[in-house]
Amino acid sequence: MTTTIYQKTDKGHDEIRTRANHLDQRHRAVLLMVNGEKTCDEILLQLQPLGMTRAVFDELEQGGYVRAHVAGAAAPSTSAPASPPPPSSTPHTAVAAAPAPPATASATGEQGIDGYQRLYRFYTETISRYLGLRGYLLEMKVEKAGNVEELVALRETLKAALTKTRGEPDTGNVIAQLDLLIDEATS
């Protein structure tokens, strides 16, 4: 049993966005699922149909794409969004937005960075929790989004995916929370 929780490093975030190191699909699939919330075993269980093993995690860690998550540790220090902290809600309730770490930008750009990080975390937590592997393509779009406007543009895609997999009541709650975050990020 492997209860290690991993998070993406700067190199891992970069690989998702740019494919600079040309990871194969097996490694990319695991890298997308790593979010600083799920244990190695939980991810392997979700990816069991694809035949994933602990060795894939080891290779990603040796390659510098992921690292063991340490509670309270600072997130990677680049413009890449930080991995989300463990959420406090259960899988069948709406996802609560996690507070973003303090922004290091000037006062004029701080709100935009903070809003981006909150939206990014909300999307990744929601996709991981509610969609799992079915959210793979949407997760790729979130990883590539470089600003608040690009994340806001994914609202309808997330809503459609949630409606298809979870039904209207869960979707309504999640989208209502997303709308609040969008309002905060764009005002």
Protein backbone atom coordinates (compact mmCIF):
# COMPACT_ATOMS: atom_id res chain seq x y z
CA MET A 1 0.00 0.00 0.00
CA THR A 2 1.41 3.35 -1.06
CA THR A 3 -0.11 6.31 0.75
CA THR A 4 2.33 8.85 -0.65
CA ILE A 5 0.64 11.91 -2.06
CA TYR A 6 2.45 13.53 -4.98
CA GLN A 7 2.30 17.00 -6.47
CA LYS A 8 3.56 18.30 -9.79
CA THR A 9 6.83 20.19 -9.83
CA ASP A 10 7.49 23.18 -12.05
CA LYS A 11 8.86 20.76 -14.65
CA GLY A 12 5.67 18.68 -14.40
CA HIS A 13 3.43 21.71 -14.95
CA ASP A 14 5.63 22.77 -17.85
CA GLU A 15 5.37 19.31 -19.45
CA ILE A 16 1.57 19.36 -19.26
CA ARG A 17 1.40 22.78 -20.91
CA THR A 18 4.11 22.45 -23.53
CA ARG A 19 4.99 18.75 -23.98
CA ALA A 20 8.61 19.94 -24.02
CA ASN A 21 10.02 16.61 -22.82
CA HIS A 22 7.71 14.44 -24.93
CA LEU A 23 6.47 12.11 -22.17
CA ASP A 24 4.57 9.09 -23.44
CA GLN A 25 0.81 8.78 -22.85
CA ARG A 26 1.19 6.50 -19.80
CA HIS A 27 3.36 9.03 -18.00
CA ARG A 28 1.19 11.98 -19.10
CA ALA A 29 -1.95 10.23 -17.83
CA VAL A 30 -0.41 9.76 -14.39
CA LEU A 31 1.04 13.28 -14.39
CA LEU A 32 -2.40 14.74 -15.11
CA MET A 33 -3.92 12.84 -12.19
CA VAL A 34 -1.28 14.03 -9.72
CA ASN A 35 -2.82 16.93 -7.84
CA GLY A 36 -1.44 17.02 -4.31
CA GLU A 37 -4.66 15.48 -3.03
CA LYS A 38 -4.86 11.81 -4.06
CA THR A 39 -2.54 9.09 -2.84
CA CYS A 40 -0.49 7.01 -5.23
CA ASP A 41 -2.82 4.05 -4.59
CA GLU A 42 -5.93 6.10 -5.36
CA ILE A 43 -4.48 7.23 -8.68
CA LEU A 44 -3.32 3.72 -9.57
CA LEU A 45 -6.78 2.38 -8.79
CA GLN A 46 -8.35 4.92 -11.16
CA LEU A 47 -5.80 4.08 -13.85
CA GLN A 48 -5.96 0.31 -13.31
CA PRO A 49 -7.68 -0.33 -16.67
CA LEU A 50 -4.60 1.16 -18.34
CA GLY A 51 -2.23 -1.15 -16.47
CA MET A 52 -0.38 1.58 -14.56
CA THR A 53 2.09 0.55 -11.87
CA ARG A 54 4.07 2.19 -9.11
CA ALA A 55 7.04 2.22 -11.50
CA VAL A 56 5.43 5.07 -13.49
CA PHE A 57 5.36 7.23 -10.34
CA ASP A 58 8.98 6.34 -9.62
CA GLU A 59 10.01 7.32 -13.16
CA LEU A 60 8.13 10.63 -12.92
CA GLU A 61 9.76 11.37 -9.57
CA GLN A 62 13.24 10.47 -10.83
CA GLY A 63 12.65 12.66 -13.89
CA GLY A 64 11.73 15.62 -11.67
CA TYR A 65 8.08 15.86 -12.80
CA VAL A 66 6.52 15.06 -9.40
CA ARG A 67 7.58 15.10 -5.79
CA ALA A 68 6.13 13.83 -2.56
CA HIS A 69 3.60 16.33 -1.22
CA VAL A 70 4.53 17.78 2.14
CA ALA A 71 1.64 19.33 4.07
CA GLY A 72 2.22 23.03 4.55
CA ALA A 73 5.13 23.14 2.11
CA ALA A 74 5.35 26.06 -0.27
CA ALA A 75 4.16 25.47 -3.79
CA PRO A 76 6.67 25.50 -6.68
CA SER A 77 7.80 29.05 -7.26
CA THR A 78 7.12 29.86 -10.89
CA SER A 79 4.24 31.28 -12.83
CA ALA A 80 2.82 27.76 -12.98
CA PRO A 81 -0.23 27.29 -10.78
CA ALA A 82 0.30 25.43 -7.53
CA SER A 83 -1.12 21.97 -6.94
CA PRO A 84 -4.34 22.15 -4.96
CA PRO A 85 -4.42 21.36 -1.25
CA PRO A 86 -6.66 18.57 0.04
CA PRO A 87 -10.29 19.73 -0.16
CA SER A 88 -12.58 19.60 2.83
CA SER A 89 -15.71 18.39 1.10
CA THR A 90 -16.78 14.85 0.35
CA PRO A 91 -16.98 13.39 -3.17
CA HIS A 92 -20.76 13.79 -3.30
CA THR A 93 -20.98 17.40 -2.22
CA ALA A 94 -19.98 20.58 -3.94
CA VAL A 95 -16.30 21.43 -4.07
CA ALA A 96 -15.18 24.27 -1.83
CA ALA A 97 -12.69 26.70 -3.31
CA ALA A 98 -9.29 26.42 -1.69
CA PRO A 99 -7.60 29.60 -0.57
CA ALA A 100 -4.72 30.60 -2.80
CA PRO A 101 -1.26 31.13 -1.38
CA PRO A 102 -0.21 34.74 -0.98
CA ALA A 103 0.59 36.34 -4.29
CA THR A 104 4.00 37.86 -4.78
CA ALA A 105 3.00 40.32 -7.48
CA SER A 106 2.57 44.03 -7.10
CA ALA A 107 -0.68 45.35 -5.69
CA THR A 108 -2.03 46.09 -9.17
CA GLY A 109 -1.49 42.57 -10.53
CA GLU A 110 -2.16 40.67 -7.31
CA GLN A 111 -5.92 40.25 -7.80
CA GLY A 112 -5.41 38.73 -11.27
CA ILE A 113 -2.85 36.21 -10.04
CA ASP A 114 -4.92 35.29 -7.01
CA GLY A 115 -8.06 34.91 -9.16
CA TYR A 116 -6.22 32.75 -11.66
CA GLN A 117 -4.87 30.47 -8.94
CA ARG A 118 -8.28 30.08 -7.32
CA LEU A 119 -9.95 29.27 -10.64
CA TYR A 120 -7.17 26.89 -11.62
CA ARG A 121 -7.45 25.01 -8.33
CA PHE A 122 -11.21 24.86 -8.54
CA TYR A 123 -11.11 23.41 -12.06
CA THR A 124 -8.44 20.82 -11.25
CA GLU A 125 -10.11 19.71 -8.01
CA THR A 126 -13.51 19.48 -9.65
CA ILE A 127 -12.26 17.57 -12.69
CA SER A 128 -10.30 15.15 -10.54
CA ARG A 129 -13.12 14.56 -8.08
CA TYR A 130 -16.12 14.38 -10.40
CA LEU A 131 -14.75 13.36 -13.80
CA GLY A 132 -11.59 11.32 -13.17
CA LEU A 133 -10.18 10.00 -16.45
CA ARG A 134 -13.23 11.23 -18.34
CA GLY A 135 -11.95 14.73 -17.67
CA TYR A 136 -8.54 14.11 -19.25
CA LEU A 137 -9.05 16.46 -22.22
CA LEU A 138 -10.61 19.16 -20.09
CA GLU A 139 -7.71 18.87 -17.63
CA MET A 140 -5.33 19.42 -20.56
CA LYS A 141 -7.21 22.60 -21.50
CA VAL A 142 -7.05 23.87 -17.92
CA GLU A 143 -3.31 23.20 -17.78
CA LYS A 144 -2.81 25.15 -21.01
CA ALA A 145 -4.93 28.12 -19.91
CA GLY A 146 -2.55 30.96 -19.20
CA ASN A 147 -4.91 33.59 -17.84
CA VAL A 148 -8.28 34.15 -16.16
CA GLU A 149 -10.11 34.72 -19.44
CA GLU A 150 -9.00 31.35 -20.82
CA LEU A 151 -10.16 29.63 -17.63
CA VAL A 152 -13.51 31.45 -17.73
CA ALA A 153 -13.95 30.26 -21.32
CA LEU A 154 -13.90 26.64 -20.04
CA ARG A 155 -16.99 27.15 -17.84
CA GLU A 156 -19.50 25.76 -20.33
CA THR A 157 -17.26 22.80 -21.17
CA LEU A 158 -17.03 21.90 -17.47
CA LYS A 159 -20.77 22.37 -17.02
CA ALA A 160 -21.57 20.05 -19.94
CA ALA A 161 -19.17 17.37 -18.70
CA LEU A 162 -20.54 17.52 -15.16
CA THR A 163 -24.14 17.41 -16.34
CA LYS A 164 -23.39 14.33 -18.43
CA THR A 165 -21.65 12.44 -15.62
CA ARG A 166 -23.17 13.78 -12.38
CA GLY A 167 -26.62 15.12 -13.20
CA GLU A 168 -28.18 18.50 -12.66
CA PRO A 169 -28.20 18.86 -8.83
CA ASP A 170 -24.45 18.34 -8.38
CA THR A 171 -23.69 20.36 -11.51
CA GLY A 172 -25.79 23.32 -10.34
CA ASN A 173 -23.95 23.50 -7.01
CA VAL A 174 -20.50 23.27 -8.57
CA ILE A 175 -21.24 25.82 -11.31
CA ALA A 176 -22.70 28.23 -8.74
CA GLN A 177 -19.40 28.09 -6.84
CA LEU A 178 -17.46 28.51 -10.07
CA ASP A 179 -19.53 31.56 -10.97
CA LEU A 180 -18.68 33.16 -7.61
CA LEU A 181 -14.98 32.59 -8.26
CA ILE A 182 -15.31 33.98 -11.79
CA ASP A 183 -17.00 37.11 -10.41
CA GLU A 184 -14.21 37.58 -7.89
CA ALA A 185 -11.48 37.01 -10.50
CA THR A 186 -12.96 39.35 -13.11
CA SER A 187 -14.03 42.25 -10.89
